[in-house]
Amino acid sequence: MTGKRHGPSFRRELKFIIECTTCGGTGIFSGVFHQMDCPHCLGPGWLCGHTLKPLAASDIVPVLNSRLRDALAEIAKARQLLGADSAGPGPERHYQENNRRGAGGTNYTGD
């Protein structure tokens, strides 16, 4: 068998979305006395990247969820590269350790 030939796809494909240029991705704009939903994106702050039309929240949420997971993984990778662990990042961990250089073998930080 060469693959799937009919029916719905096995995986849901993520839409290409962009920030609304009218509201700057906030979904609101300020009127004279109060804030209102953006008339271009109808509130979410995101548009279809191909048609520039508003999308339903059910189409936007999976894309934003995927972007959030990618960003959190990138942050975790950057923390690993910096050597951060439960004791704190590198220089801070060295500062907090007892170096026994003070009076009576106490910690001396030079402050």
PDB file of N, CA and C in Angstrom:
ATOM      1  N   MET A   1       0.851  -1.181   0.000  1.00  0.00           N
ATOM      2  CA  MET A   1       0.000   0.000   0.000  1.00  0.00           C
ATOM      3  C   MET A   1       0.892   1.238   0.000  1.00  0.00           C
ATOM      4  N   THR A   2       0.584   2.210  -0.821  1.00  0.00           N
ATOM      5  CA  THR A   2       1.437   3.378  -0.994  1.00  0.00           C
ATOM      6  C   THR A   2       1.058   4.534  -0.079  1.00  0.00           C
ATOM      7  N   GLY A   3      -0.045   4.467   0.578  1.00  0.00           N
ATOM      8  CA  GLY A   3      -0.431   5.557   1.473  1.00  0.00           C
ATOM      9  C   GLY A   3      -1.928   5.775   1.478  1.00  0.00           C
ATOM     10  N   LYS A   4      -2.328   6.802   2.177  1.00  0.00           N
ATOM     11  CA  LYS A   4      -3.734   7.139   2.313  1.00  0.00           C
ATOM     12  C   LYS A   4      -4.247   7.743   1.013  1.00  0.00           C
ATOM     13  N   ARG A   5      -5.400   7.280   0.558  1.00  0.00           N
ATOM     14  CA  ARG A   5      -5.929   7.753  -0.717  1.00  0.00           C
ATOM     15  C   ARG A   5      -7.224   8.552  -0.580  1.00  0.00           C
ATOM     16  N   HIS A   6      -7.979   8.356   0.499  1.00  0.00           N
ATOM     17  CA  HIS A   6      -9.212   9.114   0.669  1.00  0.00           C
ATOM     18  C   HIS A   6      -9.530   9.238   2.158  1.00  0.00           C
ATOM     19  N   GLY A   7     -10.477  10.105   2.462  1.00  0.00           N
ATOM     20  CA  GLY A   7     -10.867  10.341   3.841  1.00  0.00           C
ATOM     21  C   GLY A   7     -10.058  11.470   4.456  1.00  0.00           C
ATOM     22  N   PRO A   8     -10.361  11.793   5.717  1.00  0.00           N
ATOM     23  CA  PRO A   8      -9.635  12.888   6.370  1.00  0.00           C
ATOM     24  C   PRO A   8      -8.176  12.504   6.609  1.00  0.00           C
ATOM     25  N   SER A   9      -7.312  13.495   6.690  1.00  0.00           N
ATOM     26  CA  SER A   9      -5.893  13.235   6.908  1.00  0.00           C
ATOM     27  C   SER A   9      -5.669  12.737   8.337  1.00  0.00           C
ATOM     28  N   PHE A  10      -4.560  12.056   8.534  1.00  0.00           N
ATOM     29  CA  PHE A  10      -4.248  11.505   9.847  1.00  0.00           C
ATOM     30  C   PHE A  10      -3.868  12.596  10.838  1.00  0.00           C
ATOM     31  N   ARG A  11      -3.226  13.624  10.363  1.00  0.00           N
ATOM     32  CA  ARG A  11      -2.805  14.722  11.223  1.00  0.00           C
ATOM     33  C   ARG A  11      -3.471  16.010  10.773  1.00  0.00           C
ATOM     34  N   ARG A  12      -3.771  16.836  11.756  1.00  0.00           N
ATOM     35  CA  ARG A  12      -4.364  18.131  11.459  1.00  0.00           C
ATOM     36  C   ARG A  12      -3.259  19.098  11.040  1.00  0.00           C
ATOM     37  N   GLU A  13      -3.414  19.708   9.889  1.00  0.00           N
ATOM     38  CA  GLU A  13      -2.399  20.634   9.401  1.00  0.00           C
ATOM     39  C   GLU A  13      -2.628  22.006  10.026  1.00  0.00           C
ATOM     40  N   LEU A  14      -1.543  22.623  10.484  1.00  0.00           N
ATOM     41  CA  LEU A  14      -1.632  23.933  11.115  1.00  0.00           C
ATOM     42  C   LEU A  14      -1.764  25.013  10.044  1.00  0.00           C
ATOM     43  N   LYS A  15      -2.575  25.998  10.336  1.00  0.00           N
ATOM     44  CA  LYS A  15      -2.786  27.115   9.407  1.00  0.00           C
ATOM     45  C   LYS A  15      -1.599  28.079   9.505  1.00  0.00           C
ATOM     46  N   PHE A  16      -1.403  28.831   8.459  1.00  0.00           N
ATOM     47  CA  PHE A  16      -0.403  29.895   8.452  1.00  0.00           C
ATOM     48  C   PHE A  16      -1.110  31.162   8.905  1.00  0.00           C
ATOM     49  N   ILE A  17      -0.714  31.700  10.060  1.00  0.00           N
ATOM     50  CA  ILE A  17      -1.381  32.891  10.597  1.00  0.00           C
ATOM     51  C   ILE A  17      -0.370  34.017  10.750  1.00  0.00           C
ATOM     52  N   ILE A  18      -0.876  35.254  10.685  1.00  0.00           N
ATOM     53  CA  ILE A  18      -0.061  36.442  10.894  1.00  0.00           C
ATOM     54  C   ILE A  18      -0.814  37.379  11.824  1.00  0.00           C
ATOM     55  N   GLU A  19      -0.069  38.297  12.440  1.00  0.00           N
ATOM     56  CA  GLU A  19      -0.711  39.296  13.294  1.00  0.00           C
ATOM     57  C   GLU A  19      -1.513  40.268  12.441  1.00  0.00           C
ATOM     58  N   CYS A  20      -2.605  40.724  12.997  1.00  0.00           N
ATOM     59  CA  CYS A  20      -3.435  41.720  12.324  1.00  0.00           C
ATOM     60  C   CYS A  20      -2.656  43.038  12.264  1.00  0.00           C
ATOM     61  N   THR A  21      -2.614  43.644  11.089  1.00  0.00           N
ATOM     62  CA  THR A  21      -1.878  44.901  10.944  1.00  0.00           C
ATOM     63  C   THR A  21      -2.672  46.093  11.470  1.00  0.00           C
ATOM     64  N   THR A  22      -3.976  45.959  11.549  1.00  0.00           N
ATOM     65  CA  THR A  22      -4.806  47.059  12.015  1.00  0.00           C
ATOM     66  C   THR A  22      -4.643  47.289  13.511  1.00  0.00           C
ATOM     67  N   CYS A  23      -4.690  46.206  14.296  1.00  0.00           N
ATOM     68  CA  CYS A  23      -4.621  46.333  15.756  1.00  0.00           C
ATOM     69  C   CYS A  23      -3.256  45.936  16.306  1.00  0.00           C
ATOM     70  N   GLY A  24      -2.353  45.480  15.458  1.00  0.00           N
ATOM     71  CA  GLY A  24      -1.022  45.084  15.915  1.00  0.00           C
ATOM     72  C   GLY A  24      -1.011  43.790  16.688  1.00  0.00           C
ATOM     73  N   GLY A  25      -2.014  42.953  16.513  1.00  0.00           N
ATOM     74  CA  GLY A  25      -2.081  41.671  17.196  1.00  0.00           C
ATOM     75  C   GLY A  25      -2.755  41.709  18.553  1.00  0.00           C
ATOM     76  N   THR A  26      -3.250  42.863  18.976  1.00  0.00           N
ATOM     77  CA  THR A  26      -3.901  42.947  20.287  1.00  0.00           C
ATOM     78  C   THR A  26      -5.367  42.535  20.229  1.00  0.00           C
ATOM     79  N   GLY A  27      -6.009  42.707  19.098  1.00  0.00           N
ATOM     80  CA  GLY A  27      -7.418  42.363  18.964  1.00  0.00           C
ATOM     81  C   GLY A  27      -8.353  43.476  19.362  1.00  0.00           C
ATOM     82  N   ILE A  28      -7.811  44.574  19.864  1.00  0.00           N
ATOM     83  CA  ILE A  28      -8.654  45.701  20.276  1.00  0.00           C
ATOM     84  C   ILE A  28      -8.065  47.006  19.750  1.00  0.00           C
ATOM     85  N   PHE A  29      -8.895  48.002  19.650  1.00  0.00           N
ATOM     86  CA  PHE A  29      -8.413  49.339  19.376  1.00  0.00           C
ATOM     87  C   PHE A  29      -9.185  50.288  20.268  1.00  0.00           C
ATOM     88  N   SER A  30      -8.566  51.399  20.583  1.00  0.00           N
ATOM     89  CA  SER A  30      -9.173  52.353  21.514  1.00  0.00           C
ATOM     90  C   SER A  30     -10.041  53.339  20.763  1.00  0.00           C
ATOM     91  N   GLY A  31     -11.286  53.412  21.195  1.00  0.00           N
ATOM     92  CA  GLY A  31     -12.193  54.422  20.669  1.00  0.00           C
ATOM     93  C   GLY A  31     -12.004  55.700  21.468  1.00  0.00           C
ATOM     94  N   VAL A  32     -12.959  56.579  21.405  1.00  0.00           N
ATOM     95  CA  VAL A  32     -12.856  57.832  22.142  1.00  0.00           C
ATOM     96  C   VAL A  32     -12.974  57.592  23.645  1.00  0.00           C
ATOM     97  N   PHE A  33     -13.908  56.728  24.058  1.00  0.00           N
ATOM     98  CA  PHE A  33     -14.137  56.525  25.476  1.00  0.00           C
ATOM     99  C   PHE A  33     -13.894  55.094  25.948  1.00  0.00           C
ATOM    100  N   HIS A  34     -13.815  54.134  25.042  1.00  0.00           N
ATOM    101  CA  HIS A  34     -13.661  52.745  25.460  1.00  0.00           C
ATOM    102  C   HIS A  34     -12.932  51.940  24.385  1.00  0.00           C
ATOM    103  N   GLN A  35     -12.568  50.721  24.742  1.00  0.00           N
ATOM    104  CA  GLN A  35     -11.888  49.850  23.788  1.00  0.00           C
ATOM    105  C   GLN A  35     -12.911  48.971  23.078  1.00  0.00           C
ATOM    106  N   MET A  36     -12.653  48.707  21.794  1.00  0.00           N
ATOM    107  CA  MET A  36     -13.566  47.900  20.989  1.00  0.00           C
ATOM    108  C   MET A  36     -12.773  46.816  20.271  1.00  0.00           C
ATOM    109  N   ASP A  37     -13.492  45.749  19.857  1.00  0.00           N
ATOM    110  CA  ASP A  37     -12.855  44.698  19.068  1.00  0.00           C
ATOM    111  C   ASP A  37     -12.422  45.264  17.725  1.00  0.00           C
ATOM    112  N   CYS A  38     -11.296  44.767  17.253  1.00  0.00           N
ATOM    113  CA  CYS A  38     -10.768  45.213  15.959  1.00  0.00           C
ATOM    114  C   CYS A  38     -11.740  44.798  14.849  1.00  0.00           C
ATOM    115  N   PRO A  39     -12.119  45.705  13.967  1.00  0.00           N
ATOM    116  CA  PRO A  39     -13.060  45.347  12.899  1.00  0.00           C
ATOM    117  C   PRO A  39     -12.419  44.478  11.808  1.00  0.00           C
ATOM    118  N   HIS A  40     -11.094  44.469  11.728  1.00  0.00           N
ATOM    119  CA  HIS A  40     -10.427  43.704  10.676  1.00  0.00           C
ATOM    120  C   HIS A  40     -10.278  42.230  11.044  1.00  0.00           C
ATOM    121  N   CYS A  41      -9.824  41.952  12.290  1.00  0.00           N
ATOM    122  CA  CYS A  41      -9.615  40.558  12.705  1.00  0.00           C
ATOM    123  C   CYS A  41     -10.761  40.035  13.576  1.00  0.00           C
ATOM    124  N   LEU A  42     -11.677  40.893  13.956  1.00  0.00           N
ATOM    125  CA  LEU A  42     -12.854  40.560  14.778  1.00  0.00           C
ATOM    126  C   LEU A  42     -12.489  40.114  16.198  1.00  0.00           C
ATOM    127  N   GLY A  43     -11.327  40.543  16.691  1.00  0.00           N
ATOM    128  CA  GLY A  43     -11.009  40.313  18.095  1.00  0.00           C
ATOM    129  C   GLY A  43      -9.798  39.482  18.437  1.00  0.00           C
ATOM    130  N   PRO A  44      -9.476  38.392  17.753  1.00  0.00           N
ATOM    131  CA  PRO A  44      -8.341  37.579  18.203  1.00  0.00           C
ATOM    132  C   PRO A  44      -6.977  38.209  17.967  1.00  0.00           C
ATOM    133  N   GLY A  45      -6.834  39.074  16.988  1.00  0.00           N
ATOM    134  CA  GLY A  45      -5.551  39.676  16.684  1.00  0.00           C
ATOM    135  C   GLY A  45      -4.752  38.902  15.655  1.00  0.00           C
ATOM    136  N   TRP A  46      -5.319  37.841  15.106  1.00  0.00           N
ATOM    137  CA  TRP A  46      -4.634  36.998  14.127  1.00  0.00           C
ATOM    138  C   TRP A  46      -5.483  36.844  12.876  1.00  0.00           C
ATOM    139  N   LEU A  47      -4.818  36.743  11.717  1.00  0.00           N
ATOM    140  CA  LEU A  47      -5.492  36.573  10.434  1.00  0.00           C
ATOM    141  C   LEU A  47      -4.860  35.407   9.676  1.00  0.00           C
ATOM    142  N   CYS A  48      -5.589  34.874   8.712  1.00  0.00           N
ATOM    143  CA  CYS A  48      -5.041  33.855   7.828  1.00  0.00           C
ATOM    144  C   CYS A  48      -3.935  34.506   7.003  1.00  0.00           C
ATOM    145  N   GLY A  49      -2.778  33.870   6.941  1.00  0.00           N
ATOM    146  CA  GLY A  49      -1.649  34.448   6.235  1.00  0.00           C
ATOM    147  C   GLY A  49      -1.800  34.465   4.731  1.00  0.00           C
ATOM    148  N   HIS A  50      -2.674  33.645   4.199  1.00  0.00           N
ATOM    149  CA  HIS A  50      -2.852  33.573   2.747  1.00  0.00           C
ATOM    150  C   HIS A  50      -3.967  34.492   2.262  1.00  0.00           C
ATOM    151  N   THR A  51      -5.102  34.485   2.968  1.00  0.00           N
ATOM    152  CA  THR A  51      -6.260  35.250   2.515  1.00  0.00           C
ATOM    153  C   THR A  51      -6.442  36.567   3.256  1.00  0.00           C
ATOM    154  N   LEU A  52      -5.747  36.757   4.381  1.00  0.00           N
ATOM    155  CA  LEU A  52      -5.872  37.942   5.238  1.00  0.00           C
ATOM    156  C   LEU A  52      -7.291  38.132   5.762  1.00  0.00           C
ATOM    157  N   LYS A  53      -7.984  37.018   5.984  1.00  0.00           N
ATOM    158  CA  LYS A  53      -9.330  37.054   6.547  1.00  0.00           C
ATOM    159  C   LYS A  53      -9.283  36.518   7.973  1.00  0.00           C
ATOM    160  N   PRO A  54     -10.247  36.923   8.811  1.00  0.00           N
ATOM    161  CA  PRO A  54     -10.278  36.435  10.194  1.00  0.00           C
ATOM    162  C   PRO A  54     -10.485  34.924  10.254  1.00  0.00           C
ATOM    163  N   LEU A  55      -9.912  34.299  11.283  1.00  0.00           N
ATOM    164  CA  LEU A  55     -10.042  32.860  11.491  1.00  0.00           C
ATOM    165  C   LEU A  55     -10.796  32.592  12.782  1.00  0.00           C
ATOM    166  N   ALA A  56     -11.386  31.411  12.867  1.00  0.00           N
ATOM    167  CA  ALA A  56     -12.046  30.992  14.103  1.00  0.00           C
ATOM    168  C   ALA A  56     -10.985  30.652  15.142  1.00  0.00           C
ATOM    169  N   ALA A  57     -11.345  30.760  16.402  1.00  0.00           N
ATOM    170  CA  ALA A  57     -10.410  30.458  17.485  1.00  0.00           C
ATOM    171  C   ALA A  57      -9.934  29.010  17.419  1.00  0.00           C
ATOM    172  N   SER A  58     -10.773  28.111  16.928  1.00  0.00           N
ATOM    173  CA  SER A  58     -10.382  26.704  16.832  1.00  0.00           C
ATOM    174  C   SER A  58      -9.263  26.489  15.810  1.00  0.00           C
ATOM    175  N   ASP A  59      -9.057  27.428  14.907  1.00  0.00           N
ATOM    176  CA  ASP A  59      -7.945  27.347  13.959  1.00  0.00           C
ATOM    177  C   ASP A  59      -6.698  28.046  14.488  1.00  0.00           C
ATOM    178  N   ILE A  60      -6.881  29.041  15.342  1.00  0.00           N
ATOM    179  CA  ILE A  60      -5.766  29.836  15.846  1.00  0.00           C
ATOM    180  C   ILE A  60      -5.069  29.149  17.018  1.00  0.00           C
ATOM    181  N   VAL A  61      -5.834  28.557  17.926  1.00  0.00           N
ATOM    182  CA  VAL A  61      -5.280  27.998  19.154  1.00  0.00           C
ATOM    183  C   VAL A  61      -4.224  26.920  18.902  1.00  0.00           C
ATOM    184  N   PRO A  62      -4.422  25.959  18.004  1.00  0.00           N
ATOM    185  CA  PRO A  62      -3.366  24.952  17.794  1.00  0.00           C
ATOM    186  C   PRO A  62      -2.046  25.553  17.284  1.00  0.00           C
ATOM    187  N   VAL A  63      -2.129  26.582  16.457  1.00  0.00           N
ATOM    188  CA  VAL A  63      -0.919  27.213  15.940  1.00  0.00           C
ATOM    189  C   VAL A  63      -0.170  27.924  17.064  1.00  0.00           C
ATOM    190  N   LEU A  64      -0.906  28.680  17.886  1.00  0.00           N
ATOM    191  CA  LEU A  64      -0.269  29.385  18.991  1.00  0.00           C
ATOM    192  C   LEU A  64       0.279  28.403  20.028  1.00  0.00           C
ATOM    193  N   ASN A  65      -0.420  27.301  20.253  1.00  0.00           N
ATOM    194  CA  ASN A  65       0.053  26.266  21.172  1.00  0.00           C
ATOM    195  C   ASN A  65       1.368  25.685  20.664  1.00  0.00           C
ATOM    196  N   SER A  66       1.458  25.421  19.383  1.00  0.00           N
ATOM    197  CA  SER A  66       2.684  24.890  18.788  1.00  0.00           C
ATOM    198  C   SER A  66       3.829  25.884  18.920  1.00  0.00           C
ATOM    199  N   ARG A  67       3.553  27.159  18.667  1.00  0.00           N
ATOM    200  CA  ARG A  67       4.589  28.194  18.789  1.00  0.00           C
ATOM    201  C   ARG A  67       5.052  28.322  20.241  1.00  0.00           C
ATOM    202  N   LEU A  68       4.126  28.219  21.200  1.00  0.00           N
ATOM    203  CA  LEU A  68       4.490  28.302  22.607  1.00  0.00           C
ATOM    204  C   LEU A  68       5.381  27.137  23.012  1.00  0.00           C
ATOM    205  N   ARG A  69       5.027  25.920  22.589  1.00  0.00           N
ATOM    206  CA  ARG A  69       5.856  24.751  22.905  1.00  0.00           C
ATOM    207  C   ARG A  69       7.254  24.893  22.321  1.00  0.00           C
ATOM    208  N   ASP A  70       7.349  25.395  21.083  1.00  0.00           N
ATOM    209  CA  ASP A  70       8.655  25.606  20.459  1.00  0.00           C
ATOM    210  C   ASP A  70       9.480  26.639  21.228  1.00  0.00           C
ATOM    211  N   ALA A  71       8.831  27.722  21.659  1.00  0.00           N
ATOM    212  CA  ALA A  71       9.536  28.763  22.407  1.00  0.00           C
ATOM    213  C   ALA A  71      10.006  28.237  23.758  1.00  0.00           C
ATOM    214  N   LEU A  72       9.172  27.458  24.461  1.00  0.00           N
ATOM    215  CA  LEU A  72       9.574  26.902  25.750  1.00  0.00           C
ATOM    216  C   LEU A  72      10.723  25.909  25.602  1.00  0.00           C
ATOM    217  N   ALA A  73      10.710  25.136  24.528  1.00  0.00           N
ATOM    218  CA  ALA A  73      11.819  24.204  24.279  1.00  0.00           C
ATOM    219  C   ALA A  73      13.109  24.973  23.992  1.00  0.00           C
ATOM    220  N   GLU A  74      12.998  26.074  23.270  1.00  0.00           N
ATOM    221  CA  GLU A  74      14.173  26.897  22.973  1.00  0.00           C
ATOM    222  C   GLU A  74      14.735  27.526  24.249  1.00  0.00           C
ATOM    223  N   ILE A  75      13.859  27.963  25.134  1.00  0.00           N
ATOM    224  CA  ILE A  75      14.298  28.528  26.414  1.00  0.00           C
ATOM    225  C   ILE A  75      14.989  27.467  27.257  1.00  0.00           C
ATOM    226  N   ALA A  76      14.419  26.263  27.302  1.00  0.00           N
ATOM    227  CA  ALA A  76      15.029  25.176  28.070  1.00  0.00           C
ATOM    228  C   ALA A  76      16.401  24.821  27.507  1.00  0.00           C
ATOM    229  N   LYS A  77      16.530  24.823  26.180  1.00  0.00           N
ATOM    230  CA  LYS A  77      17.822  24.515  25.557  1.00  0.00           C
ATOM    231  C   LYS A  77      18.842  25.597  25.899  1.00  0.00           C
ATOM    232  N   ALA A  78      18.420  26.869  25.882  1.00  0.00           N
ATOM    233  CA  ALA A  78      19.330  27.968  26.216  1.00  0.00           C
ATOM    234  C   ALA A  78      19.770  27.875  27.676  1.00  0.00           C
ATOM    235  N   ARG A  79      18.867  27.499  28.569  1.00  0.00           N
ATOM    236  CA  ARG A  79      19.235  27.335  29.984  1.00  0.00           C
ATOM    237  C   ARG A  79      20.231  26.203  30.166  1.00  0.00           C
ATOM    238  N   GLN A  80      20.072  25.132  29.401  1.00  0.00           N
ATOM    239  CA  GLN A  80      21.019  24.022  29.475  1.00  0.00           C
ATOM    240  C   GLN A  80      22.399  24.460  29.017  1.00  0.00           C
ATOM    241  N   LEU A  81      22.445  25.251  27.955  1.00  0.00           N
ATOM    242  CA  LEU A  81      23.729  25.716  27.437  1.00  0.00           C
ATOM    243  C   LEU A  81      24.434  26.637  28.420  1.00  0.00           C
ATOM    244  N   LEU A  82      23.663  27.398  29.188  1.00  0.00           N
ATOM    245  CA  LEU A  82      24.245  28.298  30.184  1.00  0.00           C
ATOM    246  C   LEU A  82      24.675  27.559  31.447  1.00  0.00           C
ATOM    247  N   GLY A  83      24.274  26.312  31.581  1.00  0.00           N
ATOM    248  CA  GLY A  83      24.653  25.528  32.754  1.00  0.00           C
ATOM    249  C   GLY A  83      23.787  25.801  33.964  1.00  0.00           C
ATOM    250  N   ALA A  84      22.594  26.270  33.752  1.00  0.00           N
ATOM    251  CA  ALA A  84      21.690  26.550  34.866  1.00  0.00           C
ATOM    252  C   ALA A  84      21.136  25.246  35.412  1.00  0.00           C
ATOM    253  N   ASP A  85      21.129  25.116  36.709  1.00  0.00           N
ATOM    254  CA  ASP A  85      20.510  23.963  37.354  1.00  0.00           C
ATOM    255  C   ASP A  85      19.780  24.431  38.596  1.00  0.00           C
ATOM    256  N   SER A  86      19.471  23.534  39.501  1.00  0.00           N
ATOM    257  CA  SER A  86      18.666  23.891  40.676  1.00  0.00           C
ATOM    258  C   SER A  86      19.396  24.841  41.605  1.00  0.00           C
ATOM    259  N   ALA A  87      20.734  24.867  41.581  1.00  0.00           N
ATOM    260  CA  ALA A  87      21.492  25.753  42.458  1.00  0.00           C
ATOM    261  C   ALA A  87      21.614  27.155  41.872  1.00  0.00           C
ATOM    262  N   GLY A  88      21.183  27.362  40.672  1.00  0.00           N
ATOM    263  CA  GLY A  88      21.253  28.671  40.042  1.00  0.00           C
ATOM    264  C   GLY A  88      22.236  28.659  38.891  1.00  0.00           C
ATOM    265  N   PRO A  89      22.296  29.749  38.133  1.00  0.00           N
ATOM    266  CA  PRO A  89      23.228  29.810  37.014  1.00  0.00           C
ATOM    267  C   PRO A  89      24.684  29.849  37.485  1.00  0.00           C
ATOM    268  N   GLY A  90      25.618  29.614  36.592  1.00  0.00           N
ATOM    269  CA  GLY A  90      27.030  29.465  36.882  1.00  0.00           C
ATOM    270  C   GLY A  90      27.624  30.461  37.848  1.00  0.00           C
ATOM    271  N   PRO A  91      27.766  31.759  37.504  1.00  0.00           N
ATOM    272  CA  PRO A  91      28.411  32.710  38.413  1.00  0.00           C
ATOM    273  C   PRO A  91      27.672  32.858  39.736  1.00  0.00           C
ATOM    274  N   GLU A  92      26.359  32.800  39.707  1.00  0.00           N
ATOM    275  CA  GLU A  92      25.592  32.943  40.940  1.00  0.00           C
ATOM    276  C   GLU A  92      25.823  31.750  41.863  1.00  0.00           C
ATOM    277  N   ARG A  93      25.920  30.567  41.296  1.00  0.00           N
ATOM    278  CA  ARG A  93      26.159  29.376  42.110  1.00  0.00           C
ATOM    279  C   ARG A  93      27.514  29.481  42.801  1.00  0.00           C
ATOM    280  N   HIS A  94      28.532  29.962  42.093  1.00  0.00           N
ATOM    281  CA  HIS A  94      29.857  30.119  42.688  1.00  0.00           C
ATOM    282  C   HIS A  94      29.818  31.151  43.810  1.00  0.00           C
ATOM    283  N   TYR A  95      29.054  32.202  43.632  1.00  0.00           N
ATOM    284  CA  TYR A  95      28.929  33.247  44.641  1.00  0.00           C
ATOM    285  C   TYR A  95      28.269  32.716  45.914  1.00  0.00           C
ATOM    286  N   GLN A  96      27.306  31.810  45.777  1.00  0.00           N
ATOM    287  CA  GLN A  96      26.566  31.307  46.926  1.00  0.00           C
ATOM    288  C   GLN A  96      27.301  30.191  47.672  1.00  0.00           C
ATOM    289  N   GLU A  97      28.268  29.532  47.018  1.00  0.00           N
ATOM    290  CA  GLU A  97      28.982  28.442  47.677  1.00  0.00           C
ATOM    291  C   GLU A  97      29.911  28.983  48.762  1.00  0.00           C
ATOM    292  N   ASN A  98      30.166  28.188  49.794  1.00  0.00           N
ATOM    293  CA  ASN A  98      31.078  28.572  50.855  1.00  0.00           C
ATOM    294  C   ASN A  98      32.504  28.333  50.378  1.00  0.00           C
ATOM    295  N   ASN A  99      33.309  29.394  50.342  1.00  0.00           N
ATOM    296  CA  ASN A  99      34.679  29.265  49.882  1.00  0.00           C
ATOM    297  C   ASN A  99      35.675  29.187  51.042  1.00  0.00           C
ATOM    298  N   ARG A 100      35.206  29.281  52.278  1.00  0.00           N
ATOM    299  CA  ARG A 100      35.999  29.155  53.508  1.00  0.00           C
ATOM    300  C   ARG A 100      37.188  30.113  53.522  1.00  0.00           C
ATOM    301  N   ARG A 101      37.042  31.310  52.994  1.00  0.00           N
ATOM    302  CA  ARG A 101      38.115  32.302  52.995  1.00  0.00           C
ATOM    303  C   ARG A 101      37.879  33.416  53.999  1.00  0.00           C
ATOM    304  N   GLY A 102      36.775  33.381  54.687  1.00  0.00           N
ATOM    305  CA  GLY A 102      36.461  34.424  55.653  1.00  0.00           C
ATOM    306  C   GLY A 102      37.021  34.088  57.022  1.00  0.00           C
ATOM    307  N   ALA A 103      36.719  34.938  57.986  1.00  0.00           N
ATOM    308  CA  ALA A 103      37.202  34.744  59.362  1.00  0.00           C
ATOM    309  C   ALA A 103      36.585  33.472  59.930  1.00  0.00           C
ATOM    310  N   GLY A 104      37.403  32.592  60.454  1.00  0.00           N
ATOM    311  CA  GLY A 104      36.922  31.335  61.048  1.00  0.00           C
ATOM    312  C   GLY A 104      36.402  30.359  60.009  1.00  0.00           C
ATOM    313  N   GLY A 105      36.809  30.491  58.748  1.00  0.00           N
ATOM    314  CA  GLY A 105      36.374  29.556  57.706  1.00  0.00           C
ATOM    315  C   GLY A 105      34.992  29.860  57.188  1.00  0.00           C
ATOM    316  N   THR A 106      34.504  31.082  57.361  1.00  0.00           N
ATOM    317  CA  THR A 106      33.183  31.442  56.835  1.00  0.00           C
ATOM    318  C   THR A 106      33.302  31.878  55.384  1.00  0.00           C
ATOM    319  N   ASN A 107      32.191  32.138  54.781  1.00  0.00           N
ATOM    320  CA  ASN A 107      32.162  32.523  53.366  1.00  0.00           C
ATOM    321  C   ASN A 107      32.582  33.971  53.222  1.00  0.00           C
ATOM    322  N   TYR A 108      33.498  34.265  52.277  1.00  0.00           N
ATOM    323  CA  TYR A 108      33.924  35.620  51.973  1.00  0.00           C
ATOM    324  C   TYR A 108      33.606  35.904  50.518  1.00  0.00           C
ATOM    325  N   THR A 109      32.786  36.932  50.253  1.00  0.00           N
ATOM    326  CA  THR A 109      32.397  37.247  48.889  1.00  0.00           C
ATOM    327  C   THR A 109      33.092  38.489  48.346  1.00  0.00           C
ATOM    328  N   GLY A 110      33.749  39.252  49.171  1.00  0.00           N
ATOM    329  CA  GLY A 110      34.455  40.449  48.727  1.00  0.00           C
ATOM    330  C   GLY A 110      33.565  41.658  48.570  1.00  0.00           C
ATOM    331  N   ASP A 111      32.337  41.626  49.049  1.00  0.00           N
ATOM    332  CA  ASP A 111      31.416  42.760  48.923  1.00  0.00           C
ATOM    333  C   ASP A 111      31.787  43.864  49.885  1.00  0.00           C
TER     334      ASP A 111
END
